Amino acid sequence: MCEPLGTLADLEARMGQPLVVPSEQAQARAAIADASDIVRAYGNPHWGCPAGGRSVPVPPAVRAVTLAMAERRMRNPENFVSEAAGEYQYRYAEQGANGFAPSRAEITLIERLANKFGVRTLDVIRAVQINNRNAFPYEENANSVISTE
């Protein structure tokens, strides 16, 4: 089983406060585990996993992204953008309101550290000739015969 890409102590340090309530600690550990799974899905699925008797090294920036995602979950679990009570108003920064999902910049960083260079696949549909006109094979025409030549 793979280890989380961050620890409870790392998260507490970033949040600037200890999590002493057991339910908060459990929530924080779950947030770190979920963020680790998401980061591995975008990057290297083997980061922090055992291989050959050792754990696959995790780049420090990957750990930082994982903990930033977990911190966002802990600070804003409901994904509020703003809140108000009487004259008091508070608005989260757009990144803070992003919720648990990694930002585009975080995804780019994770992919770069996993040596994924943006090569993507695209579905290509080739038109075929039907009675001297271009059409796609799934178009129905009772008077035409589909030819792939």
Protein backbone atom coordinates (compact mmCIF):
# COMPACT_ATOMS: atom_id res chain seq x y z
CA MET A 1 0.00 0.00 0.00
CA CYS A 2 1.23 3.49 -0.84
CA GLU A 3 2.00 5.99 1.88
CA PRO A 4 0.28 9.39 1.91
CA LEU A 5 2.22 12.17 0.21
CA GLY A 6 2.19 14.24 3.40
CA THR A 7 1.78 13.84 7.14
CA LEU A 8 -0.58 15.24 9.73
CA ALA A 9 2.37 17.13 11.28
CA ASP A 10 3.15 18.71 7.86
CA LEU A 11 -0.46 19.84 7.49
CA GLU A 12 -0.59 21.24 11.03
CA ALA A 13 2.59 23.24 10.33
CA ARG A 14 1.05 24.74 7.20
CA MET A 15 -2.21 25.54 8.97
CA GLY A 16 -0.36 27.13 11.89
CA GLN A 17 -2.30 25.24 14.53
CA PRO A 18 -2.34 21.76 16.02
CA LEU A 19 -5.36 19.59 15.36
CA VAL A 20 -6.17 18.19 18.80
CA VAL A 21 -9.74 16.97 18.30
CA PRO A 22 -9.66 13.33 17.14
CA SER A 23 -12.40 13.92 14.55
CA GLU A 24 -10.37 16.80 13.02
CA GLN A 25 -7.27 14.61 12.93
CA ALA A 26 -9.22 11.86 11.17
CA GLN A 27 -10.64 14.38 8.70
CA ALA A 28 -7.15 15.76 8.03
CA ARG A 29 -5.69 12.29 7.45
CA ALA A 30 -8.54 11.50 5.04
CA ALA A 31 -7.96 14.81 3.20
CA ILE A 32 -4.24 14.02 2.85
CA ALA A 33 -5.00 10.49 1.60
CA ASP A 34 -7.56 11.78 -0.92
CA ALA A 35 -5.22 14.52 -2.14
CA SER A 36 -2.43 11.94 -2.48
CA ASP A 37 -4.63 9.76 -4.68
CA ILE A 38 -5.61 12.71 -6.88
CA VAL A 39 -2.00 13.88 -7.23
CA ARG A 40 -0.88 10.35 -8.17
CA ALA A 41 -3.65 10.21 -10.80
CA TYR A 42 -2.26 13.35 -12.48
CA GLY A 43 1.40 12.48 -11.92
CA ASN A 44 3.18 9.24 -11.12
CA PRO A 45 0.96 6.52 -9.64
CA HIS A 46 4.02 5.03 -7.90
CA TRP A 47 5.08 8.07 -5.85
CA GLY A 48 5.41 6.99 -2.22
CA CYS A 49 4.67 3.33 -3.05
CA PRO A 50 6.95 0.42 -2.18
CA ALA A 51 9.17 -0.81 -5.00
CA GLY A 52 12.16 -3.07 -4.55
CA GLY A 53 12.10 -2.83 -0.77
CA ARG A 54 12.11 0.98 -0.85
CA SER A 55 9.54 3.70 -1.34
CA VAL A 56 9.50 5.51 -4.70
CA PRO A 57 10.80 9.04 -3.98
CA VAL A 58 8.32 11.91 -3.93
CA PRO A 59 9.48 15.30 -5.24
CA PRO A 60 9.14 18.00 -2.55
CA ALA A 61 6.89 20.11 -4.79
CA VAL A 62 4.48 17.19 -5.12
CA ARG A 63 4.29 16.98 -1.34
CA ALA A 64 3.63 20.74 -1.23
CA VAL A 65 0.76 20.50 -3.75
CA THR A 66 -0.77 17.57 -1.87
CA LEU A 67 -0.67 19.44 1.43
CA ALA A 68 -2.04 22.63 -0.18
CA MET A 69 -5.04 20.65 -1.46
CA ALA A 70 -5.58 19.07 1.96
CA GLU A 71 -5.30 22.48 3.64
CA ARG A 72 -7.96 23.91 1.31
CA ARG A 73 -10.25 21.03 2.28
CA MET A 74 -9.67 21.63 5.99
CA ARG A 75 -10.04 25.42 5.87
CA ASN A 76 -13.03 25.49 3.54
CA PRO A 77 -14.76 22.09 3.52
CA GLU A 78 -17.99 23.50 2.05
CA ASN A 79 -16.18 25.33 -0.80
CA PHE A 80 -17.67 28.70 0.14
CA VAL A 81 -16.69 31.65 -2.03
CA SER A 82 -17.87 34.27 0.46
CA GLU A 83 -19.84 34.59 3.66
CA ALA A 84 -21.57 37.41 5.45
CA ALA A 85 -23.15 37.96 8.87
CA GLY A 86 -24.57 41.43 9.41
CA GLU A 87 -21.89 43.95 8.56
CA TYR A 88 -19.16 41.30 8.58
CA GLN A 89 -18.22 39.99 5.13
CA TYR A 90 -15.45 37.65 4.10
CA ARG A 91 -14.46 36.50 0.63
CA TYR A 92 -12.07 33.65 -0.04
CA ALA A 93 -9.43 34.05 -2.69
CA GLU A 94 -10.38 32.26 -5.88
CA GLN A 95 -7.78 29.56 -5.13
CA GLY A 96 -9.27 29.04 -1.67
CA ALA A 97 -12.71 28.66 -3.19
CA ASN A 98 -11.36 26.19 -5.72
CA GLY A 99 -12.23 23.42 -3.34
CA PHE A 100 -10.36 20.19 -3.25
CA ALA A 101 -9.49 20.00 -6.93
CA PRO A 102 -5.98 20.96 -7.99
CA SER A 103 -5.63 24.21 -9.89
CA ARG A 104 -4.45 24.24 -13.50
CA ALA A 105 -1.01 25.46 -12.32
CA GLU A 106 -0.80 22.62 -9.80
CA ILE A 107 -1.74 20.06 -12.46
CA THR A 108 0.92 21.45 -14.80
CA LEU A 109 3.54 21.24 -12.04
CA ILE A 110 2.56 17.66 -11.13
CA GLU A 111 2.67 16.57 -14.77
CA ARG A 112 6.05 18.24 -15.28
CA LEU A 113 7.51 16.47 -12.22
CA ALA A 114 6.13 13.16 -13.53
CA ASN A 115 7.82 13.81 -16.91
CA LYS A 116 4.49 14.10 -18.70
CA PHE A 117 5.04 16.62 -21.43
CA GLY A 118 1.55 17.39 -22.61
CA VAL A 119 1.26 14.81 -25.35
CA ARG A 120 -2.40 14.02 -25.71
CA THR A 121 -4.49 11.72 -27.88
CA LEU A 122 -7.42 12.83 -29.95
CA ASP A 123 -10.21 10.82 -31.50
CA VAL A 124 -10.09 11.18 -35.26
CA ILE A 125 -13.09 10.44 -37.43
CA ARG A 126 -12.38 10.16 -41.13
CA ALA A 127 -15.04 11.12 -43.60
CA VAL A 128 -15.91 8.59 -46.30
CA GLN A 129 -17.14 9.20 -49.80
CA ILE A 130 -20.87 8.68 -50.45
CA ASN A 131 -21.96 9.34 -54.02
CA ASN A 132 -19.29 12.00 -54.57
CA ARG A 133 -19.93 13.87 -51.33
CA ASN A 134 -18.26 13.71 -47.92
CA ALA A 135 -20.26 12.26 -45.05
CA PHE A 136 -19.59 10.36 -41.86
CA PRO A 137 -20.29 6.61 -41.72
CA TYR A 138 -23.00 6.95 -39.12
CA GLU A 139 -25.22 9.13 -41.30
CA GLU A 140 -28.11 7.17 -42.72
CA ASN A 141 -29.05 7.63 -46.33
CA ALA A 142 -31.34 4.99 -47.78
CA ASN A 143 -30.47 5.96 -51.38
CA SER A 144 -26.68 5.83 -50.90
CA VAL A 145 -24.16 3.08 -50.55
CA ILE A 146 -21.29 3.76 -48.21
CA SER A 147 -17.95 3.32 -49.87
CA THR A 148 -14.66 3.48 -47.97
CA GLU A 149 -12.50 3.70 -51.10
